[in-house]
Amino acid sequence: YSLGTQIYCVPTVDARETWESSMRHIAFEGRCFVLSAC
């Protein structure tokens, strides 16, 4: 965030249902686009 990330890419293998909540939180917190590819 301090470096001004705008497109926050997330390569992952976490397929839990809770993952969506995490990605939405990070996007909201960092005011950035989160692109999560599992």
Full PDB file with SEQRES, HELIX, SHEET, SSBOND, CRYST1, ORIGX, SCALE, CONECT and MASTER records, all heavy atoms in Angstrom:
SEQRES   1 A   38  TYR SER LEU GLY THR GLN ILE TYR CYS VAL PRO THR VAL          
SEQRES   2 A   38  ASP ALA ARG GLU THR TRP GLU SER SER MET ARG HIS ILE          
SEQRES   3 A   38  ALA PHE GLU GLY ARG CYS PHE VAL LEU SER ALA CYS              
HELIX    1 AA1 THR A   18  GLY A   30  1                                  13    
SHEET    1 AA1 2 ILE A   7  PRO A  11  0                                        
SHEET    2 AA1 2 PHE A  33  ALA A  37  1                                        
CRYST1    1.000    1.000    1.000  90.00  90.00  90.00 P 1           1          
ORIGX1      1.000000  0.000000  0.000000        0.00000                         
ORIGX2      0.000000  1.000000  0.000000        0.00000                         
ORIGX3      0.000000  0.000000  1.000000        0.00000                         
SCALE1      1.000000  0.000000  0.000000        0.00000                         
SCALE2      0.000000  1.000000  0.000000        0.00000                         
SCALE3      0.000000  0.000000  1.000000        0.00000                         
ATOM      1  N   TYR A   1       0.841  -1.209   0.000  1.00  0.00           N  
ATOM      2  CA  TYR A   1       0.000   0.000   0.000  1.00  0.00           C  
ATOM      3  C   TYR A   1       0.870   1.252   0.000  1.00  0.00           C  
ATOM      4  O   TYR A   1       0.568   2.235  -0.677  1.00  0.00           O  
ATOM      5  CB  TYR A   1      -0.905   0.040   1.237  1.00  0.00           C  
ATOM      6  CG  TYR A   1      -1.878  -1.097   1.408  1.00  0.00           C  
ATOM      7  CD1 TYR A   1      -2.411  -1.381   2.677  1.00  0.00           C  
ATOM      8  CD2 TYR A   1      -2.290  -1.898   0.346  1.00  0.00           C  
ATOM      9  CE1 TYR A   1      -3.313  -2.403   2.867  1.00  0.00           C  
ATOM     10  CE2 TYR A   1      -3.189  -2.943   0.528  1.00  0.00           C  
ATOM     11  CZ  TYR A   1      -3.698  -3.189   1.799  1.00  0.00           C  
ATOM     12  OH  TYR A   1      -4.587  -4.212   1.999  1.00  0.00           O  
ATOM     13  N   SER A   2       1.962   1.209   0.782  1.00  0.00           N  
ATOM     14  CA  SER A   2       2.814   2.403   0.910  1.00  0.00           C  
ATOM     15  C   SER A   2       3.507   2.744  -0.401  1.00  0.00           C  
ATOM     16  O   SER A   2       3.895   3.898  -0.618  1.00  0.00           O  
ATOM     17  CB  SER A   2       3.861   2.199   2.014  1.00  0.00           C  
ATOM     18  OG  SER A   2       4.893   1.299   1.598  1.00  0.00           O  
ATOM     19  N   LEU A   3       3.677   1.762  -1.272  1.00  0.00           N  
ATOM     20  CA  LEU A   3       4.276   2.001  -2.583  1.00  0.00           C  
ATOM     21  C   LEU A   3       3.233   2.321  -3.642  1.00  0.00           C  
ATOM     22  O   LEU A   3       3.561   2.502  -4.819  1.00  0.00           O  
ATOM     23  CB  LEU A   3       5.109   0.795  -3.015  1.00  0.00           C  
ATOM     24  CG  LEU A   3       6.354   0.497  -2.172  1.00  0.00           C  
ATOM     25  CD1 LEU A   3       7.124  -0.676  -2.766  1.00  0.00           C  
ATOM     26  CD2 LEU A   3       7.261   1.718  -2.059  1.00  0.00           C  
ATOM     27  N   GLY A   4       1.983   2.375  -3.224  1.00  0.00           N  
ATOM     28  CA  GLY A   4       0.923   2.814  -4.130  1.00  0.00           C  
ATOM     29  C   GLY A   4       0.389   1.750  -5.061  1.00  0.00           C  
ATOM     30  O   GLY A   4      -0.093   2.073  -6.161  1.00  0.00           O  
ATOM     31  N   THR A   5       0.445   0.459  -4.656  1.00  0.00           N  
ATOM     32  CA  THR A   5      -0.092  -0.572  -5.534  1.00  0.00           C  
ATOM     33  C   THR A   5      -1.535  -0.265  -5.906  1.00  0.00           C  
ATOM     34  O   THR A   5      -2.349   0.158  -5.074  1.00  0.00           O  
ATOM     35  CB  THR A   5       0.007  -1.969  -4.890  1.00  0.00           C  
ATOM     36  OG1 THR A   5      -0.474  -2.939  -5.827  1.00  0.00           O  
ATOM     37  CG2 THR A   5      -0.815  -2.063  -3.612  1.00  0.00           C  
ATOM     38  N   GLN A   6      -1.843  -0.461  -7.175  1.00  0.00           N  
ATOM     39  CA  GLN A   6      -3.193  -0.228  -7.683  1.00  0.00           C  
ATOM     40  C   GLN A   6      -3.847  -1.525  -8.164  1.00  0.00           C  
ATOM     41  O   GLN A   6      -5.053  -1.706  -8.014  1.00  0.00           O  
ATOM     42  CB  GLN A   6      -3.147   0.773  -8.842  1.00  0.00           C  
ATOM     43  CG  GLN A   6      -2.636   2.146  -8.438  1.00  0.00           C  
ATOM     44  CD  GLN A   6      -2.353   3.003  -9.646  1.00  0.00           C  
ATOM     45  OE1 GLN A   6      -1.638   2.602 -10.560  1.00  0.00           O  
ATOM     46  NE2 GLN A   6      -2.919   4.208  -9.661  1.00  0.00           N  
ATOM     47  N   ILE A   7      -3.019  -2.380  -8.754  1.00  0.00           N  
ATOM     48  CA  ILE A   7      -3.510  -3.683  -9.229  1.00  0.00           C  
ATOM     49  C   ILE A   7      -2.777  -4.742  -8.420  1.00  0.00           C  
ATOM     50  O   ILE A   7      -1.616  -5.058  -8.664  1.00  0.00           O  
ATOM     51  CB  ILE A   7      -3.280  -3.846 -10.737  1.00  0.00           C  
ATOM     52  CG1 ILE A   7      -3.972  -2.701 -11.495  1.00  0.00           C  
ATOM     53  CG2 ILE A   7      -3.808  -5.191 -11.218  1.00  0.00           C  
ATOM     54  CD1 ILE A   7      -3.713  -2.706 -12.988  1.00  0.00           C  
ATOM     55  N   TYR A   8      -3.466  -5.229  -7.422  1.00  0.00           N  
ATOM     56  CA  TYR A   8      -2.904  -6.119  -6.400  1.00  0.00           C  
ATOM     57  C   TYR A   8      -3.219  -7.555  -6.827  1.00  0.00           C  
ATOM     58  O   TYR A   8      -4.342  -8.031  -6.683  1.00  0.00           O  
ATOM     59  CB  TYR A   8      -3.558  -5.757  -5.069  1.00  0.00           C  
ATOM     60  CG  TYR A   8      -3.104  -6.471  -3.819  1.00  0.00           C  
ATOM     61  CD1 TYR A   8      -2.278  -5.827  -2.900  1.00  0.00           C  
ATOM     62  CD2 TYR A   8      -3.552  -7.749  -3.513  1.00  0.00           C  
ATOM     63  CE1 TYR A   8      -1.901  -6.445  -1.715  1.00  0.00           C  
ATOM     64  CE2 TYR A   8      -3.178  -8.380  -2.343  1.00  0.00           C  
ATOM     65  CZ  TYR A   8      -2.354  -7.731  -1.448  1.00  0.00           C  
ATOM     66  OH  TYR A   8      -1.986  -8.356  -0.263  1.00  0.00           O  
ATOM     67  N   CYS A   9      -2.211  -8.217  -7.410  1.00  0.00           N  
ATOM     68  CA  CYS A   9      -2.416  -9.544  -7.991  1.00  0.00           C  
ATOM     69  C   CYS A   9      -2.176 -10.629  -6.943  1.00  0.00           C  
ATOM     70  O   CYS A   9      -1.234 -10.528  -6.145  1.00  0.00           O  
ATOM     71  CB  CYS A   9      -1.479  -9.756  -9.171  1.00  0.00           C  
ATOM     72  SG  CYS A   9      -1.681  -8.499 -10.470  1.00  0.00           S  
ATOM     73  N   VAL A  10      -3.014 -11.660  -6.980  1.00  0.00           N  
ATOM     74  CA  VAL A  10      -2.951 -12.709  -5.960  1.00  0.00           C  
ATOM     75  C   VAL A  10      -2.955 -14.085  -6.615  1.00  0.00           C  
ATOM     76  O   VAL A  10      -4.006 -14.711  -6.784  1.00  0.00           O  
ATOM     77  CB  VAL A  10      -4.120 -12.595  -4.968  1.00  0.00           C  
ATOM     78  CG1 VAL A  10      -3.990 -13.649  -3.875  1.00  0.00           C  
ATOM     79  CG2 VAL A  10      -4.187 -11.204  -4.355  1.00  0.00           C  
ATOM     80  N   PRO A  11      -1.790 -14.601  -6.993  1.00  0.00           N  
ATOM     81  CA  PRO A  11      -1.727 -16.020  -7.379  1.00  0.00           C  
ATOM     82  C   PRO A  11      -1.920 -16.875  -6.125  1.00  0.00           C  
ATOM     83  O   PRO A  11      -1.256 -16.663  -5.110  1.00  0.00           O  
ATOM     84  CB  PRO A  11      -0.310 -16.166  -7.944  1.00  0.00           C  
ATOM     85  CG  PRO A  11       0.178 -14.759  -8.193  1.00  0.00           C  
ATOM     86  CD  PRO A  11      -0.501 -13.926  -7.155  1.00  0.00           C  
ATOM     87  N   THR A  12      -2.816 -17.866  -6.189  1.00  0.00           N  
ATOM     88  CA  THR A  12      -3.138 -18.627  -4.978  1.00  0.00           C  
ATOM     89  C   THR A  12      -3.572 -20.038  -5.315  1.00  0.00           C  
ATOM     90  O   THR A  12      -3.841 -20.373  -6.485  1.00  0.00           O  
ATOM     91  CB  THR A  12      -4.247 -17.906  -4.173  1.00  0.00           C  
ATOM     92  OG1 THR A  12      -4.407 -18.543  -2.914  1.00  0.00           O  
ATOM     93  CG2 THR A  12      -5.568 -17.927  -4.925  1.00  0.00           C  
ATOM     94  N   VAL A  13      -3.632 -20.877  -4.269  1.00  0.00           N  
ATOM     95  CA  VAL A  13      -4.295 -22.182  -4.363  1.00  0.00           C  
ATOM     96  C   VAL A  13      -5.303 -22.340  -3.225  1.00  0.00           C  
ATOM     97  O   VAL A  13      -5.805 -23.431  -2.991  1.00  0.00           O  
ATOM     98  CB  VAL A  13      -3.290 -23.362  -4.354  1.00  0.00           C  
ATOM     99  CG1 VAL A  13      -2.443 -23.381  -5.610  1.00  0.00           C  
ATOM    100  CG2 VAL A  13      -2.425 -23.333  -3.094  1.00  0.00           C  
ATOM    101  N   ASP A  14      -5.581 -21.246  -2.525  1.00  0.00           N  
ATOM    102  CA  ASP A  14      -6.566 -21.312  -1.451  1.00  0.00           C  
ATOM    103  C   ASP A  14      -7.959 -21.258  -2.066  1.00  0.00           C  
ATOM    104  O   ASP A  14      -8.379 -20.228  -2.596  1.00  0.00           O  
ATOM    105  CB  ASP A  14      -6.381 -20.155  -0.473  1.00  0.00           C  
ATOM    106  CG  ASP A  14      -7.194 -20.345   0.804  1.00  0.00           C  
ATOM    107  OD1 ASP A  14      -8.321 -20.875   0.708  1.00  0.00           O  
ATOM    108  OD2 ASP A  14      -6.707 -19.983   1.887  1.00  0.00           O  
ATOM    109  N   ALA A  15      -8.674 -22.376  -1.970  1.00  0.00           N  
ATOM    110  CA  ALA A  15     -10.004 -22.495  -2.572  1.00  0.00           C  
ATOM    111  C   ALA A  15     -11.112 -22.469  -1.523  1.00  0.00           C  
ATOM    112  O   ALA A  15     -12.257 -22.811  -1.821  1.00  0.00           O  
ATOM    113  CB  ALA A  15     -10.091 -23.788  -3.392  1.00  0.00           C  
ATOM    114  N   ARG A  16     -10.770 -22.075  -0.290  1.00  0.00           N  
ATOM    115  CA  ARG A  16     -11.788 -22.032   0.760  1.00  0.00           C  
ATOM    116  C   ARG A  16     -12.807 -20.930   0.479  1.00  0.00           C  
ATOM    117  O   ARG A  16     -12.481 -19.904  -0.129  1.00  0.00           O  
ATOM    118  CB  ARG A  16     -11.131 -21.783   2.131  1.00  0.00           C  
ATOM    119  CG  ARG A  16     -10.163 -22.864   2.564  1.00  0.00           C  
ATOM    120  CD  ARG A  16      -9.380 -22.417   3.793  1.00  0.00           C  
ATOM    121  NE  ARG A  16      -8.455 -23.431   4.264  1.00  0.00           N  
ATOM    122  CZ  ARG A  16      -7.235 -23.604   3.803  1.00  0.00           C  
ATOM    123  NH1 ARG A  16      -6.782 -22.819   2.833  1.00  0.00           N  
ATOM    124  NH2 ARG A  16      -6.456 -24.546   4.288  1.00  0.00           N  
ATOM    125  N   GLU A  17     -14.021 -21.121   0.983  1.00  0.00           N  
ATOM    126  CA  GLU A  17     -15.054 -20.115   0.791  1.00  0.00           C  
ATOM    127  C   GLU A  17     -14.684 -18.803   1.485  1.00  0.00           C  
ATOM    128  O   GLU A  17     -15.130 -17.720   1.071  1.00  0.00           O  
ATOM    129  CB  GLU A  17     -16.397 -20.635   1.298  1.00  0.00           C  
ATOM    130  CG  GLU A  17     -16.970 -21.763   0.431  1.00  0.00           C  
ATOM    131  CD  GLU A  17     -18.360 -22.176   0.864  1.00  0.00           C  
ATOM    132  OE1 GLU A  17     -18.905 -21.537   1.788  1.00  0.00           O  
ATOM    133  OE2 GLU A  17     -18.906 -23.132   0.281  1.00  0.00           O  
ATOM    134  N   THR A  18     -13.885 -18.881   2.553  1.00  0.00           N  
ATOM    135  CA  THR A  18     -13.486 -17.673   3.271  1.00  0.00           C  
ATOM    136  C   THR A  18     -12.555 -16.781   2.456  1.00  0.00           C  
ATOM    137  O   THR A  18     -12.373 -15.607   2.793  1.00  0.00           O  
ATOM    138  CB  THR A  18     -12.773 -18.040   4.591  1.00  0.00           C  
ATOM    139  OG1 THR A  18     -11.690 -18.944   4.306  1.00  0.00           O  
ATOM    140  CG2 THR A  18     -13.735 -18.691   5.565  1.00  0.00           C  
ATOM    141  N   TRP A  19     -11.969 -17.329   1.388  1.00  0.00           N  
ATOM    142  CA  TRP A  19     -11.002 -16.568   0.595  1.00  0.00           C  
ATOM    143  C   TRP A  19     -11.637 -15.325  -0.031  1.00  0.00           C  
ATOM    144  O   TRP A  19     -11.013 -14.259  -0.081  1.00  0.00           O  
ATOM    145  CB  TRP A  19     -10.389 -17.460  -0.484  1.00  0.00           C  
ATOM    146  CG  TRP A  19      -9.209 -16.844  -1.155  1.00  0.00           C  
ATOM    147  CD1 TRP A  19      -9.126 -16.391  -2.448  1.00  0.00           C  
ATOM    148  CD2 TRP A  19      -7.916 -16.597  -0.577  1.00  0.00           C  
ATOM    149  NE1 TRP A  19      -7.877 -15.882  -2.716  1.00  0.00           N  
ATOM    150  CE2 TRP A  19      -7.110 -16.006  -1.577  1.00  0.00           C  
ATOM    151  CE3 TRP A  19      -7.373 -16.822   0.684  1.00  0.00           C  
ATOM    152  CZ2 TRP A  19      -5.791 -15.633  -1.342  1.00  0.00           C  
ATOM    153  CZ3 TRP A  19      -6.050 -16.453   0.912  1.00  0.00           C  
ATOM    154  CH2 TRP A  19      -5.279 -15.861  -0.099  1.00  0.00           C  
ATOM    155  N   GLU A  20     -12.874 -15.467  -0.488  1.00  0.00           N  
ATOM    156  CA  GLU A  20     -13.542 -14.308  -1.072  1.00  0.00           C  
ATOM    157  C   GLU A  20     -13.609 -13.155  -0.082  1.00  0.00           C  
ATOM    158  O   GLU A  20     -13.357 -11.994  -0.436  1.00  0.00           O  
ATOM    159  CB  GLU A  20     -14.959 -14.669  -1.533  1.00  0.00           C  
ATOM    160  CG  GLU A  20     -15.706 -13.478  -2.107  1.00  0.00           C  
ATOM    161  CD  GLU A  20     -17.159 -13.786  -2.455  1.00  0.00           C  
ATOM    162  OE1 GLU A  20     -17.535 -14.977  -2.502  1.00  0.00           O  
ATOM    163  OE2 GLU A  20     -17.918 -12.818  -2.682  1.00  0.00           O  
ATOM    164  N   SER A  21     -13.934 -13.461   1.176  1.00  0.00           N  
ATOM    165  CA  SER A  21     -14.003 -12.414   2.198  1.00  0.00           C  
ATOM    166  C   SER A  21     -12.656 -11.731   2.372  1.00  0.00           C  
ATOM    167  O   SER A  21     -12.578 -10.497   2.533  1.00  0.00           O  
ATOM    168  CB  SER A  21     -14.472 -13.006   3.532  1.00  0.00           C  
ATOM    169  OG  SER A  21     -15.762 -13.565   3.417  1.00  0.00           O  
ATOM    170  N   SER A  22     -11.577 -12.525   2.351  1.00  0.00           N  
ATOM    171  CA  SER A  22     -10.235 -11.954   2.497  1.00  0.00           C  
ATOM    172  C   SER A  22      -9.910 -11.013   1.347  1.00  0.00           C  
ATOM    173  O   SER A  22      -9.363  -9.917   1.550  1.00  0.00           O  
ATOM    174  CB  SER A  22      -9.193 -13.072   2.567  1.00  0.00           C  
ATOM    175  OG  SER A  22      -9.382 -13.875   3.709  1.00  0.00           O  
ATOM    176  N   MET A  23     -10.228 -11.433   0.126  1.00  0.00           N  
ATOM    177  CA  MET A  23      -9.913 -10.607  -1.037  1.00  0.00           C  
ATOM    178  C   MET A  23     -10.739  -9.320  -1.037  1.00  0.00           C  
ATOM    179  O   MET A  23     -10.235  -8.242  -1.389  1.00  0.00           O  
ATOM    180  CB  MET A  23     -10.160 -11.398  -2.327  1.00  0.00           C  
ATOM    181  CG  MET A  23      -9.260 -12.626  -2.496  1.00  0.00           C  
ATOM    182  SD  MET A  23      -7.487 -12.229  -2.527  1.00  0.00           S  
ATOM    183  CE  MET A  23      -7.015 -12.531  -0.806  1.00  0.00           C  
ATOM    184  N   ARG A  24     -11.984  -9.395  -0.615  1.00  0.00           N  
ATOM    185  CA  ARG A  24     -12.813  -8.190  -0.554  1.00  0.00           C  
ATOM    186  C   ARG A  24     -12.302  -7.235   0.528  1.00  0.00           C  
ATOM    187  O   ARG A  24     -12.286  -6.016   0.342  1.00  0.00           O  
ATOM    188  CB  ARG A  24     -14.273  -8.573  -0.312  1.00  0.00           C  
ATOM    189  CG  ARG A  24     -14.873  -9.377  -1.454  1.00  0.00           C  
ATOM    190  CD  ARG A  24     -16.346  -9.682  -1.242  1.00  0.00           C  
ATOM    191  NE  ARG A  24     -17.157  -8.464  -1.373  1.00  0.00           N  
ATOM    192  CZ  ARG A  24     -18.488  -8.465  -1.309  1.00  0.00           C  
ATOM    193  NH1 ARG A  24     -19.144  -9.600  -1.111  1.00  0.00           N  
ATOM    194  NH2 ARG A  24     -19.152  -7.328  -1.439  1.00  0.00           N  
ATOM    195  N   HIS A  25     -11.861  -7.804   1.642  1.00  0.00           N  
ATOM    196  CA  HIS A  25     -11.311  -6.968   2.709  1.00  0.00           C  
ATOM    197  C   HIS A  25     -10.062  -6.234   2.235  1.00  0.00           C  
ATOM    198  O   HIS A  25      -9.913  -5.016   2.474  1.00  0.00           O  
ATOM    199  CB  HIS A  25     -10.970  -7.820   3.933  1.00  0.00           C  
ATOM    200  CG  HIS A  25     -10.154  -7.101   4.964  1.00  0.00           C  
ATOM    201  ND1 HIS A  25     -10.720  -6.309   5.929  1.00  0.00           N  
ATOM    202  CD2 HIS A  25      -8.808  -7.002   5.137  1.00  0.00           C  
ATOM    203  CE1 HIS A  25      -9.765  -5.770   6.665  1.00  0.00           C  
ATOM    204  NE2 HIS A  25      -8.590  -6.178   6.207  1.00  0.00           N  
ATOM    205  N   ILE A  26      -9.155  -6.952   1.565  1.00  0.00           N  
ATOM    206  CA  ILE A  26      -7.904  -6.336   1.126  1.00  0.00           C  
ATOM    207  C   ILE A  26      -8.173  -5.244   0.100  1.00  0.00           C  
ATOM    208  O   ILE A  26      -7.568  -4.160   0.148  1.00  0.00           O  
ATOM    209  CB  ILE A  26      -6.941  -7.410   0.576  1.00  0.00           C  
ATOM    210  CG1 ILE A  26      -6.454  -8.295   1.724  1.00  0.00           C  
ATOM    211  CG2 ILE A  26      -5.766  -6.773  -0.154  1.00  0.00           C  
ATOM    212  CD1 ILE A  26      -5.718  -9.545   1.267  1.00  0.00           C  
ATOM    213  N   ALA A  27      -9.075  -5.500  -0.842  1.00  0.00           N  
ATOM    214  CA  ALA A  27      -9.412  -4.488  -1.842  1.00  0.00           C  
ATOM    215  C   ALA A  27      -9.956  -3.228  -1.166  1.00  0.00           C  
ATOM    216  O   ALA A  27      -9.574  -2.104  -1.509  1.00  0.00           O  
ATOM    217  CB  ALA A  27     -10.429  -5.053  -2.826  1.00  0.00           C  
ATOM    218  N   PHE A  28     -10.835  -3.430  -0.190  1.00  0.00           N  
ATOM    219  CA  PHE A  28     -11.443  -2.308   0.524  1.00  0.00           C  
ATOM    220  C   PHE A  28     -10.416  -1.574   1.375  1.00  0.00           C  
ATOM    221  O   PHE A  28     -10.351  -0.343   1.379  1.00  0.00           O  
ATOM    222  CB  PHE A  28     -12.587  -2.838   1.398  1.00  0.00           C  
ATOM    223  CG  PHE A  28     -13.455  -1.764   1.989  1.00  0.00           C  
ATOM    224  CD1 PHE A  28     -14.589  -1.318   1.322  1.00  0.00           C  
ATOM    225  CD2 PHE A  28     -13.141  -1.190   3.213  1.00  0.00           C  
ATOM    226  CE1 PHE A  28     -15.394  -0.330   1.865  1.00  0.00           C  
ATOM    227  CE2 PHE A  28     -13.937  -0.193   3.759  1.00  0.00           C  
ATOM    228  CZ  PHE A  28     -15.072   0.240   3.081  1.00  0.00           C  
ATOM    229  N   GLU A  29      -9.585  -2.347   2.069  1.00  0.00           N  
ATOM    230  CA  GLU A  29      -8.570  -1.763   2.949  1.00  0.00           C  
ATOM    231  C   GLU A  29      -7.522  -0.988   2.165  1.00  0.00           C  
ATOM    232  O   GLU A  29      -7.143   0.127   2.531  1.00  0.00           O  
ATOM    233  CB  GLU A  29      -7.894  -2.880   3.743  1.00  0.00           C  
ATOM    234  CG  GLU A  29      -6.708  -2.465   4.587  1.00  0.00           C  
ATOM    235  CD  GLU A  29      -6.021  -3.665   5.214  1.00  0.00           C  
ATOM    236  OE1 GLU A  29      -5.359  -4.433   4.470  1.00  0.00           O  
ATOM    237  OE2 GLU A  29      -6.152  -3.829   6.438  1.00  0.00           O  
ATOM    238  N   GLY A  30      -7.032  -1.592   1.081  1.00  0.00           N  
ATOM    239  CA  GLY A  30      -5.954  -0.986   0.308  1.00  0.00           C  
ATOM    240  C   GLY A  30      -6.418  -0.042  -0.768  1.00  0.00           C  
ATOM    241  O   GLY A  30      -5.607   0.606  -1.422  1.00  0.00           O  
ATOM    242  N   ARG A  31      -7.744   0.029  -0.974  1.00  0.00           N  
ATOM    243  CA  ARG A  31      -8.301   0.835  -2.058  1.00  0.00           C  
ATOM    244  C   ARG A  31      -7.565   0.517  -3.366  1.00  0.00           C  
ATOM    245  O   ARG A  31      -7.026   1.388  -4.055  1.00  0.00           O  
ATOM    246  CB  ARG A  31      -8.211   2.328  -1.724  1.00  0.00           C  
ATOM    247  CG  ARG A  31      -9.107   2.787  -0.571  1.00  0.00           C  
ATOM    248  CD  ARG A  31     -10.528   2.316  -0.712  1.00  0.00           C  
ATOM    249  NE  ARG A  31     -11.483   3.175   0.004  1.00  0.00           N  
ATOM    250  CZ  ARG A  31     -12.502   2.716   0.714  1.00  0.00           C  
ATOM    251  NH1 ARG A  31     -12.682   1.404   0.830  1.00  0.00           N  
ATOM    252  NH2 ARG A  31     -13.349   3.533   1.287  1.00  0.00           N  
ATOM    253  N   CYS A  32      -7.568  -0.762  -3.697  1.00  0.00           N  
ATOM    254  CA  CYS A  32      -6.903  -1.245  -4.896  1.00  0.00           C  
ATOM    255  C   CYS A  32      -7.766  -2.320  -5.540  1.00  0.00           C  
ATOM    256  O   CYS A  32      -8.650  -2.899  -4.901  1.00  0.00           O  
ATOM    257  CB  CYS A  32      -5.512  -1.796  -4.566  1.00  0.00           C  
ATOM    258  SG  CYS A  32      -5.489  -3.034  -3.241  1.00  0.00           S  
ATOM    259  N   PHE A  33      -7.507  -2.601  -6.800  1.00  0.00           N  
ATOM    260  CA  PHE A  33      -8.148  -3.736  -7.454  1.00  0.00           C  
ATOM    261  C   PHE A  33      -7.410  -5.010  -7.044  1.00  0.00           C  
ATOM    262  O   PHE A  33      -6.171  -5.061  -7.073  1.00  0.00           O  
ATOM    263  CB  PHE A  33      -8.108  -3.584  -8.975  1.00  0.00           C  
ATOM    264  CG  PHE A  33      -9.006  -2.517  -9.501  1.00  0.00           C  
ATOM    265  CD1 PHE A  33      -8.515  -1.235  -9.747  1.00  0.00           C  
ATOM    266  CD2 PHE A  33     -10.345  -2.772  -9.732  1.00  0.00           C  
ATOM    267  CE1 PHE A  33      -9.354  -0.235 -10.218  1.00  0.00           C  
ATOM    268  CE2 PHE A  33     -11.200  -1.775 -10.213  1.00  0.00           C  
ATOM    269  CZ  PHE A  33     -10.694  -0.509 -10.447  1.00  0.00           C  
ATOM    270  N   VAL A  34      -8.152  -6.030  -6.655  1.00  0.00           N  
ATOM    271  CA  VAL A  34      -7.565  -7.316  -6.294  1.00  0.00           C  
ATOM    272  C   VAL A  34      -7.943  -8.333  -7.358  1.00  0.00           C  
ATOM    273  O   VAL A  34      -9.130  -8.548  -7.636  1.00  0.00           O  
ATOM    274  CB  VAL A  34      -8.038  -7.770  -4.906  1.00  0.00           C  
ATOM    275  CG1 VAL A  34      -7.608  -9.207  -4.643  1.00  0.00           C  
ATOM    276  CG2 VAL A  34      -7.470  -6.855  -3.827  1.00  0.00           C  
ATOM    277  N   LEU A  35      -6.922  -8.951  -7.942  1.00  0.00           N  
ATOM    278  CA  LEU A  35      -7.113  -9.966  -8.976  1.00  0.00           C  
ATOM    279  C   LEU A  35      -6.582 -11.293  -8.440  1.00  0.00           C  
ATOM    280  O   LEU A  35      -5.371 -11.515  -8.390  1.00  0.00           O  
ATOM    281  CB  LEU A  35      -6.368  -9.581 -10.261  1.00  0.00           C  
ATOM    282  CG  LEU A  35      -7.031  -8.551 -11.184  1.00  0.00           C  
ATOM    283  CD1 LEU A  35      -7.237  -7.213 -10.503  1.00  0.00           C  
ATOM    284  CD2 LEU A  35      -6.201  -8.366 -12.451  1.00  0.00           C  
ATOM    285  N   SER A  36      -7.487 -12.146  -7.987  1.00  0.00           N  
ATOM    286  CA  SER A  36      -7.107 -13.410  -7.356  1.00  0.00           C  
ATOM    287  C   SER A  36      -7.318 -14.563  -8.328  1.00  0.00           C  
ATOM    288  O   SER A  36      -8.452 -14.846  -8.741  1.00  0.00           O  
ATOM    289  CB  SER A  36      -7.940 -13.629  -6.088  1.00  0.00           C  
ATOM    290  OG  SER A  36      -7.622 -14.865  -5.491  1.00  0.00           O  
ATOM    291  N   ALA A  37      -6.228 -15.243  -8.688  1.00  0.00           N  
ATOM    292  CA  ALA A  37      -6.267 -16.370  -9.623  1.00  0.00           C  
ATOM    293  C   ALA A  37      -5.909 -17.649  -8.884  1.00  0.00           C  
ATOM    294  O   ALA A  37      -4.808 -17.779  -8.358  1.00  0.00           O  
ATOM    295  CB  ALA A  37      -5.296 -16.140 -10.781  1.00  0.00           C  
ATOM    296  N   CYS A  38      -6.853 -18.582  -8.834  1.00  0.00           N  
ATOM    297  CA  CYS A  38      -6.652 -19.841  -8.113  1.00  0.00           C  
ATOM    298  C   CYS A  38      -6.645 -21.016  -9.086  1.00  0.00           C  
ATOM    299  O   CYS A  38      -7.343 -21.000 -10.106  1.00  0.00           O  
ATOM    300  CB  CYS A  38      -7.760 -20.032  -7.077  1.00  0.00           C  
ATOM    301  SG  CYS A  38      -7.509 -21.455  -5.973  1.00  0.00           S  
TER     302      CYS A  38                                                      
MASTER        0    0    0    1    2    0    0    6  301    1    0    3          
END                                                                             
